[in-house]
Amino acid sequence: MTLQANFEQAQADSKSLPERPDNMTLLKIYALFKQASSGDAEGERPGFADMVGRAKWDAWDALRGTSKDQAMQQYIDLIEDLKG
């Protein structure tokens, strides 16, 4: 399978994990997905009142400079680990 196909399979697998990951792991999943699909974080950092949006943006921005292929592979590996 290609990296893209494995990434798409990991996306599908992420919806049926045996248990819900903790919030930090969910942020990492979100950030890796955004980096793999969109590249570096764009736009303005959400304001203080939007704490969830701000945490998501910060997690994504922390991956700045990571290539889309690297982010895809890290996402795939993380979902595989979570599947058990």
PDB file of N, CA and C in Angstrom:
ATOM      1  N   MET A   1       0.840  -1.192   0.000  1.00  0.00           N
ATOM      2  CA  MET A   1       0.000   0.000   0.000  1.00  0.00           C
ATOM      3  C   MET A   1       0.880   1.249   0.000  1.00  0.00           C
ATOM      4  N   THR A   2       0.378   2.294  -0.599  1.00  0.00           N
ATOM      5  CA  THR A   2       1.111   3.558  -0.607  1.00  0.00           C
ATOM      6  C   THR A   2       0.949   4.263   0.735  1.00  0.00           C
ATOM      7  N   LEU A   3       1.789   5.247   0.964  1.00  0.00           N
ATOM      8  CA  LEU A   3       1.697   6.031   2.197  1.00  0.00           C
ATOM      9  C   LEU A   3       0.319   6.681   2.309  1.00  0.00           C
ATOM     10  N   GLN A   4      -0.170   7.232   1.197  1.00  0.00           N
ATOM     11  CA  GLN A   4      -1.487   7.875   1.197  1.00  0.00           C
ATOM     12  C   GLN A   4      -2.580   6.866   1.542  1.00  0.00           C
ATOM     13  N   ALA A   5      -2.515   5.669   0.983  1.00  0.00           N
ATOM     14  CA  ALA A   5      -3.519   4.637   1.266  1.00  0.00           C
ATOM     15  C   ALA A   5      -3.458   4.215   2.730  1.00  0.00           C
ATOM     16  N   ASN A   6      -2.250   4.073   3.259  1.00  0.00           N
ATOM     17  CA  ASN A   6      -2.095   3.728   4.678  1.00  0.00           C
ATOM     18  C   ASN A   6      -2.638   4.838   5.571  1.00  0.00           C
ATOM     19  N   PHE A   7      -2.413   6.094   5.170  1.00  0.00           N
ATOM     20  CA  PHE A   7      -2.914   7.246   5.918  1.00  0.00           C
ATOM     21  C   PHE A   7      -4.441   7.231   5.940  1.00  0.00           C
ATOM     22  N   GLU A   8      -5.043   6.973   4.790  1.00  0.00           N
ATOM     23  CA  GLU A   8      -6.511   6.917   4.709  1.00  0.00           C
ATOM     24  C   GLU A   8      -7.058   5.768   5.542  1.00  0.00           C
ATOM     25  N   GLN A   9      -6.362   4.635   5.565  1.00  0.00           N
ATOM     26  CA  GLN A   9      -6.790   3.502   6.391  1.00  0.00           C
ATOM     27  C   GLN A   9      -6.672   3.857   7.876  1.00  0.00           C
ATOM     28  N   ALA A  10      -5.609   4.557   8.244  1.00  0.00           N
ATOM     29  CA  ALA A  10      -5.436   4.973   9.641  1.00  0.00           C
ATOM     30  C   ALA A  10      -6.543   5.940  10.051  1.00  0.00           C
ATOM     31  N   GLN A  11      -6.972   6.812   9.130  1.00  0.00           N
ATOM     32  CA  GLN A  11      -8.087   7.718   9.418  1.00  0.00           C
ATOM     33  C   GLN A  11      -9.345   6.911   9.735  1.00  0.00           C
ATOM     34  N   ALA A  12      -9.620   5.904   8.926  1.00  0.00           N
ATOM     35  CA  ALA A  12     -10.787   5.055   9.160  1.00  0.00           C
ATOM     36  C   ALA A  12     -10.646   4.299  10.481  1.00  0.00           C
ATOM     37  N   ASP A  13      -9.453   3.787  10.743  1.00  0.00           N
ATOM     38  CA  ASP A  13      -9.199   3.042  11.984  1.00  0.00           C
ATOM     39  C   ASP A  13      -9.348   3.920  13.215  1.00  0.00           C
ATOM     40  N   SER A  14      -9.032   5.217  13.076  1.00  0.00           N
ATOM     41  CA  SER A  14      -9.086   6.125  14.224  1.00  0.00           C
ATOM     42  C   SER A  14     -10.511   6.285  14.756  1.00  0.00           C
ATOM     43  N   LYS A  15     -11.488   5.993  13.929  1.00  0.00           N
ATOM     44  CA  LYS A  15     -12.889   6.128  14.336  1.00  0.00           C
ATOM     45  C   LYS A  15     -13.384   4.914  15.124  1.00  0.00           C
ATOM     46  N   SER A  16     -12.591   3.850  15.157  1.00  0.00           N
ATOM     47  CA  SER A  16     -13.033   2.638  15.856  1.00  0.00           C
ATOM     48  C   SER A  16     -11.948   2.106  16.796  1.00  0.00           C
ATOM     49  N   LEU A  17     -11.281   3.009  17.492  1.00  0.00           N
ATOM     50  CA  LEU A  17     -10.269   2.594  18.458  1.00  0.00           C
ATOM     51  C   LEU A  17     -10.943   1.893  19.638  1.00  0.00           C
ATOM     52  N   PRO A  18     -10.246   0.954  20.275  1.00  0.00           N
ATOM     53  CA  PRO A  18     -10.845   0.213  21.379  1.00  0.00           C
ATOM     54  C   PRO A  18     -11.259   1.101  22.555  1.00  0.00           C
ATOM     55  N   GLU A  19     -10.519   2.198  22.790  1.00  0.00           N
ATOM     56  CA  GLU A  19     -10.911   3.135  23.836  1.00  0.00           C
ATOM     57  C   GLU A  19     -10.553   4.550  23.400  1.00  0.00           C
ATOM     58  N   ARG A  20     -11.257   5.524  23.971  1.00  0.00           N
ATOM     59  CA  ARG A  20     -11.027   6.923  23.612  1.00  0.00           C
ATOM     60  C   ARG A  20      -9.680   7.371  24.173  1.00  0.00           C
ATOM     61  N   PRO A  21      -8.811   7.924  23.307  1.00  0.00           N
ATOM     62  CA  PRO A  21      -7.514   8.418  23.793  1.00  0.00           C
ATOM     63  C   PRO A  21      -7.694   9.610  24.731  1.00  0.00           C
ATOM     64  N   ASP A  22      -6.678   9.870  25.557  1.00  0.00           N
ATOM     65  CA  ASP A  22      -6.722  11.046  26.427  1.00  0.00           C
ATOM     66  C   ASP A  22      -6.602  12.319  25.579  1.00  0.00           C
ATOM     67  N   ASN A  23      -6.883  13.447  26.193  1.00  0.00           N
ATOM     68  CA  ASN A  23      -6.928  14.712  25.456  1.00  0.00           C
ATOM     69  C   ASN A  23      -5.604  15.074  24.793  1.00  0.00           C
ATOM     70  N   MET A  24      -4.483  14.808  25.439  1.00  0.00           N
ATOM     71  CA  MET A  24      -3.184  15.124  24.830  1.00  0.00           C
ATOM     72  C   MET A  24      -2.951  14.278  23.576  1.00  0.00           C
ATOM     73  N   THR A  25      -3.358  13.015  23.634  1.00  0.00           N
ATOM     74  CA  THR A  25      -3.210  12.145  22.470  1.00  0.00           C
ATOM     75  C   THR A  25      -4.151  12.590  21.357  1.00  0.00           C
ATOM     76  N   LEU A  26      -5.359  12.995  21.722  1.00  0.00           N
ATOM     77  CA  LEU A  26      -6.296  13.509  20.714  1.00  0.00           C
ATOM     78  C   LEU A  26      -5.731  14.750  20.023  1.00  0.00           C
ATOM     79  N   LEU A  27      -5.090  15.625  20.795  1.00  0.00           N
ATOM     80  CA  LEU A  27      -4.463  16.807  20.198  1.00  0.00           C
ATOM     81  C   LEU A  27      -3.352  16.402  19.232  1.00  0.00           C
ATOM     82  N   LYS A  28      -2.576  15.400  19.606  1.00  0.00           N
ATOM     83  CA  LYS A  28      -1.490  14.929  18.730  1.00  0.00           C
ATOM     84  C   LYS A  28      -2.069  14.336  17.438  1.00  0.00           C
ATOM     85  N   ILE A  29      -3.140  13.549  17.560  1.00  0.00           N
ATOM     86  CA  ILE A  29      -3.800  12.981  16.377  1.00  0.00           C
ATOM     87  C   ILE A  29      -4.272  14.114  15.469  1.00  0.00           C
ATOM     88  N   TYR A  30      -4.942  15.102  16.056  1.00  0.00           N
ATOM     89  CA  TYR A  30      -5.448  16.244  15.288  1.00  0.00           C
ATOM     90  C   TYR A  30      -4.310  16.971  14.583  1.00  0.00           C
ATOM     91  N   ALA A  31      -3.250  17.283  15.338  1.00  0.00           N
ATOM     92  CA  ALA A  31      -2.134  18.042  14.781  1.00  0.00           C
ATOM     93  C   ALA A  31      -1.445  17.285  13.647  1.00  0.00           C
ATOM     94  N   LEU A  32      -1.217  16.000  13.833  1.00  0.00           N
ATOM     95  CA  LEU A  32      -0.578  15.206  12.773  1.00  0.00           C
ATOM     96  C   LEU A  32      -1.464  15.135  11.535  1.00  0.00           C
ATOM     97  N   PHE A  33      -2.779  14.988  11.733  1.00  0.00           N
ATOM     98  CA  PHE A  33      -3.703  14.954  10.600  1.00  0.00           C
ATOM     99  C   PHE A  33      -3.650  16.272   9.836  1.00  0.00           C
ATOM    100  N   LYS A  34      -3.714  17.399  10.561  1.00  0.00           N
ATOM    101  CA  LYS A  34      -3.694  18.708   9.908  1.00  0.00           C
ATOM    102  C   LYS A  34      -2.367  18.940   9.181  1.00  0.00           C
ATOM    103  N   GLN A  35      -1.256  18.567   9.803  1.00  0.00           N
ATOM    104  CA  GLN A  35       0.054  18.754   9.178  1.00  0.00           C
ATOM    105  C   GLN A  35       0.161  17.893   7.923  1.00  0.00           C
ATOM    106  N   ALA A  36      -0.338  16.656   8.003  1.00  0.00           N
ATOM    107  CA  ALA A  36      -0.265  15.744   6.856  1.00  0.00           C
ATOM    108  C   ALA A  36      -1.171  16.198   5.723  1.00  0.00           C
ATOM    109  N   SER A  37      -2.313  16.765   6.044  1.00  0.00           N
ATOM    110  CA  SER A  37      -3.264  17.119   4.996  1.00  0.00           C
ATOM    111  C   SER A  37      -3.144  18.568   4.529  1.00  0.00           C
ATOM    112  N   SER A  38      -2.667  19.486   5.391  1.00  0.00           N
ATOM    113  CA  SER A  38      -2.637  20.906   5.034  1.00  0.00           C
ATOM    114  C   SER A  38      -1.265  21.552   5.092  1.00  0.00           C
ATOM    115  N   GLY A  39      -0.296  20.886   5.691  1.00  0.00           N
ATOM    116  CA  GLY A  39       1.020  21.494   5.851  1.00  0.00           C
ATOM    117  C   GLY A  39       1.060  22.355   7.108  1.00  0.00           C
ATOM    118  N   ASP A  40       1.984  23.311   7.130  1.00  0.00           N
ATOM    119  CA  ASP A  40       2.180  24.145   8.312  1.00  0.00           C
ATOM    120  C   ASP A  40       0.917  24.927   8.676  1.00  0.00           C
ATOM    121  N   ALA A  41       0.771  25.202   9.987  1.00  0.00           N
ATOM    122  CA  ALA A  41      -0.384  25.943  10.498  1.00  0.00           C
ATOM    123  C   ALA A  41      -0.494  27.292   9.799  1.00  0.00           C
ATOM    124  N   GLU A  42      -1.720  27.659   9.491  1.00  0.00           N
ATOM    125  CA  GLU A  42      -1.993  28.917   8.798  1.00  0.00           C
ATOM    126  C   GLU A  42      -3.007  29.710   9.597  1.00  0.00           C
ATOM    127  N   GLY A  43      -3.120  30.971   9.252  1.00  0.00           N
ATOM    128  CA  GLY A  43      -4.131  31.805   9.871  1.00  0.00           C
ATOM    129  C   GLY A  43      -3.702  32.303  11.240  1.00  0.00           C
ATOM    130  N   GLU A  44      -4.607  33.028  11.856  1.00  0.00           N
ATOM    131  CA  GLU A  44      -4.346  33.614  13.164  1.00  0.00           C
ATOM    132  C   GLU A  44      -4.557  32.586  14.265  1.00  0.00           C
ATOM    133  N   ARG A  45      -3.769  32.695  15.300  1.00  0.00           N
ATOM    134  CA  ARG A  45      -3.955  31.862  16.487  1.00  0.00           C
ATOM    135  C   ARG A  45      -5.264  32.283  17.143  1.00  0.00           C
ATOM    136  N   PRO A  46      -6.148  31.327  17.464  1.00  0.00           N
ATOM    137  CA  PRO A  46      -7.417  31.695  18.095  1.00  0.00           C
ATOM    138  C   PRO A  46      -7.196  32.470  19.393  1.00  0.00           C
ATOM    139  N   GLY A  47      -8.158  33.311  19.715  1.00  0.00           N
ATOM    140  CA  GLY A  47      -8.060  34.155  20.904  1.00  0.00           C
ATOM    141  C   GLY A  47      -8.180  33.367  22.194  1.00  0.00           C
ATOM    142  N   PHE A  48      -7.925  34.053  23.289  1.00  0.00           N
ATOM    143  CA  PHE A  48      -7.923  33.437  24.614  1.00  0.00           C
ATOM    144  C   PHE A  48      -9.259  32.793  24.956  1.00  0.00           C
ATOM    145  N   ALA A  49     -10.355  33.360  24.479  1.00  0.00           N
ATOM    146  CA  ALA A  49     -11.688  32.839  24.803  1.00  0.00           C
ATOM    147  C   ALA A  49     -11.947  31.473  24.163  1.00  0.00           C
ATOM    148  N   ASP A  50     -11.261  31.176  23.068  1.00  0.00           N
ATOM    149  CA  ASP A  50     -11.430  29.894  22.370  1.00  0.00           C
ATOM    150  C   ASP A  50     -10.308  28.952  22.800  1.00  0.00           C
ATOM    151  N   MET A  51     -10.436  28.414  24.005  1.00  0.00           N
ATOM    152  CA  MET A  51      -9.351  27.604  24.566  1.00  0.00           C
ATOM    153  C   MET A  51      -9.119  26.313  23.774  1.00  0.00           C
ATOM    154  N   VAL A  52     -10.182  25.665  23.315  1.00  0.00           N
ATOM    155  CA  VAL A  52     -10.040  24.420  22.556  1.00  0.00           C
ATOM    156  C   VAL A  52      -9.375  24.712  21.209  1.00  0.00           C
ATOM    157  N   GLY A  53      -9.872  25.716  20.512  1.00  0.00           N
ATOM    158  CA  GLY A  53      -9.286  26.092  19.221  1.00  0.00           C
ATOM    159  C   GLY A  53      -7.833  26.493  19.354  1.00  0.00           C
ATOM    160  N   ARG A  54      -7.526  27.185  20.430  1.00  0.00           N
ATOM    161  CA  ARG A  54      -6.153  27.627  20.688  1.00  0.00           C
ATOM    162  C   ARG A  54      -5.240  26.423  20.940  1.00  0.00           C
ATOM    163  N   ALA A  55      -5.700  25.465  21.725  1.00  0.00           N
ATOM    164  CA  ALA A  55      -4.898  24.259  22.008  1.00  0.00           C
ATOM    165  C   ALA A  55      -4.667  23.467  20.726  1.00  0.00           C
ATOM    166  N   LYS A  56      -5.696  23.345  19.895  1.00  0.00           N
ATOM    167  CA  LYS A  56      -5.547  22.618  18.627  1.00  0.00           C
ATOM    168  C   LYS A  56      -4.543  23.322  17.717  1.00  0.00           C
ATOM    169  N   TRP A  57      -4.678  24.654  17.594  1.00  0.00           N
ATOM    170  CA  TRP A  57      -3.787  25.417  16.730  1.00  0.00           C
ATOM    171  C   TRP A  57      -2.357  25.311  17.218  1.00  0.00           C
ATOM    172  N   ASP A  58      -2.157  25.423  18.557  1.00  0.00           N
ATOM    173  CA  ASP A  58      -0.805  25.328  19.122  1.00  0.00           C
ATOM    174  C   ASP A  58      -0.187  23.961  18.859  1.00  0.00           C
ATOM    175  N   ALA A  59      -0.982  22.893  19.001  1.00  0.00           N
ATOM    176  CA  ALA A  59      -0.474  21.538  18.746  1.00  0.00           C
ATOM    177  C   ALA A  59      -0.070  21.395  17.281  1.00  0.00           C
ATOM    178  N   TRP A  60      -0.883  21.945  16.383  1.00  0.00           N
ATOM    179  CA  TRP A  60      -0.583  21.890  14.951  1.00  0.00           C
ATOM    180  C   TRP A  60       0.654  22.721  14.649  1.00  0.00           C
ATOM    181  N   ASP A  61       0.726  23.931  15.212  1.00  0.00           N
ATOM    182  CA  ASP A  61       1.847  24.826  14.941  1.00  0.00           C
ATOM    183  C   ASP A  61       3.166  24.246  15.462  1.00  0.00           C
ATOM    184  N   ALA A  62       3.105  23.418  16.504  1.00  0.00           N
ATOM    185  CA  ALA A  62       4.314  22.792  17.052  1.00  0.00           C
ATOM    186  C   ALA A  62       4.968  21.856  16.033  1.00  0.00           C
ATOM    187  N   LEU A  63       4.218  21.430  15.026  1.00  0.00           N
ATOM    188  CA  LEU A  63       4.752  20.538  13.993  1.00  0.00           C
ATOM    189  C   LEU A  63       5.286  21.296  12.771  1.00  0.00           C
ATOM    190  N   ARG A  64       5.323  22.623  12.868  1.00  0.00           N
ATOM    191  CA  ARG A  64       5.798  23.450  11.746  1.00  0.00           C
ATOM    192  C   ARG A  64       7.133  22.913  11.236  1.00  0.00           C
ATOM    193  N   GLY A  65       7.238  22.766   9.917  1.00  0.00           N
ATOM    194  CA  GLY A  65       8.466  22.278   9.306  1.00  0.00           C
ATOM    195  C   GLY A  65       8.492  20.769   9.091  1.00  0.00           C
ATOM    196  N   THR A  66       7.540  20.048   9.689  1.00  0.00           N
ATOM    197  CA  THR A  66       7.448  18.602   9.465  1.00  0.00           C
ATOM    198  C   THR A  66       6.832  18.382   8.089  1.00  0.00           C
ATOM    199  N   SER A  67       7.448  17.535   7.287  1.00  0.00           N
ATOM    200  CA  SER A  67       6.911  17.302   5.945  1.00  0.00           C
ATOM    201  C   SER A  67       5.580  16.560   6.032  1.00  0.00           C
ATOM    202  N   LYS A  68       4.790  16.688   4.982  1.00  0.00           N
ATOM    203  CA  LYS A  68       3.499  15.989   4.948  1.00  0.00           C
ATOM    204  C   LYS A  68       3.702  14.482   5.050  1.00  0.00           C
ATOM    205  N   ASP A  69       4.721  13.953   4.369  1.00  0.00           N
ATOM    206  CA  ASP A  69       4.983  12.505   4.422  1.00  0.00           C
ATOM    207  C   ASP A  69       5.384  12.063   5.829  1.00  0.00           C
ATOM    208  N   GLN A  70       6.230  12.866   6.495  1.00  0.00           N
ATOM    209  CA  GLN A  70       6.623  12.520   7.870  1.00  0.00           C
ATOM    210  C   GLN A  70       5.404  12.535   8.792  1.00  0.00           C
ATOM    211  N   ALA A  71       4.550  13.550   8.639  1.00  0.00           N
ATOM    212  CA  ALA A  71       3.354  13.656   9.476  1.00  0.00           C
ATOM    213  C   ALA A  71       2.408  12.485   9.213  1.00  0.00           C
ATOM    214  N   MET A  72       2.265  12.090   7.949  1.00  0.00           N
ATOM    215  CA  MET A  72       1.422  10.935   7.617  1.00  0.00           C
ATOM    216  C   MET A  72       1.927   9.684   8.312  1.00  0.00           C
ATOM    217  N   GLN A  73       3.248   9.454   8.239  1.00  0.00           N
ATOM    218  CA  GLN A  73       3.825   8.249   8.839  1.00  0.00           C
ATOM    219  C   GLN A  73       3.668   8.271  10.358  1.00  0.00           C
ATOM    220  N   GLN A  74       3.883   9.432  10.982  1.00  0.00           N
ATOM    221  CA  GLN A  74       3.713   9.541  12.431  1.00  0.00           C
ATOM    222  C   GLN A  74       2.257   9.297  12.827  1.00  0.00           C
ATOM    223  N   TYR A  75       1.324   9.798  12.024  1.00  0.00           N
ATOM    224  CA  TYR A  75      -0.107   9.587  12.270  1.00  0.00           C
ATOM    225  C   TYR A  75      -0.435   8.097  12.191  1.00  0.00           C
ATOM    226  N   ILE A  76       0.043   7.446  11.137  1.00  0.00           N
ATOM    227  CA  ILE A  76      -0.193   6.006  10.945  1.00  0.00           C
ATOM    228  C   ILE A  76       0.366   5.229  12.138  1.00  0.00           C
ATOM    229  N   ASP A  77       1.601   5.544  12.536  1.00  0.00           N
ATOM    230  CA  ASP A  77       2.235   4.843  13.658  1.00  0.00           C
ATOM    231  C   ASP A  77       1.458   5.048  14.956  1.00  0.00           C
ATOM    232  N   LEU A  78       0.994   6.272  15.197  1.00  0.00           N
ATOM    233  CA  LEU A  78       0.255   6.565  16.425  1.00  0.00           C
ATOM    234  C   LEU A  78      -1.062   5.790  16.461  1.00  0.00           C
ATOM    235  N   ILE A  79      -1.784   5.777  15.355  1.00  0.00           N
ATOM    236  CA  ILE A  79      -3.062   5.044  15.314  1.00  0.00           C
ATOM    237  C   ILE A  79      -2.817   3.546  15.493  1.00  0.00           C
ATOM    238  N   GLU A  80      -1.754   3.031  14.883  1.00  0.00           N
ATOM    239  CA  GLU A  80      -1.418   1.608  15.062  1.00  0.00           C
ATOM    240  C   GLU A  80      -1.151   1.295  16.532  1.00  0.00           C
ATOM    241  N   ASP A  81      -0.409   2.167  17.210  1.00  0.00           N
ATOM    242  CA  ASP A  81      -0.139   1.969  18.641  1.00  0.00           C
ATOM    243  C   ASP A  81      -1.429   1.978  19.447  1.00  0.00           C
ATOM    244  N   LEU A  82      -2.335   2.871  19.112  1.00  0.00           N
ATOM    245  CA  LEU A  82      -3.588   3.005  19.862  1.00  0.00           C
ATOM    246  C   LEU A  82      -4.544   1.831  19.608  1.00  0.00           C
ATOM    247  N   LYS A  83      -4.395   1.207  18.454  1.00  0.00           N
ATOM    248  CA  LYS A  83      -5.253   0.042  18.138  1.00  0.00           C
ATOM    249  C   LYS A  83      -4.918  -1.141  19.043  1.00  0.00           C
ATOM    250  N   GLY A  84      -3.704  -1.128  19.569  1.00  0.00           N
ATOM    251  CA  GLY A  84      -3.295  -2.200  20.497  1.00  0.00           C
ATOM    252  C   GLY A  84      -2.684  -3.297  19.795  1.00  0.00           C
TER     253      GLY A  84
END
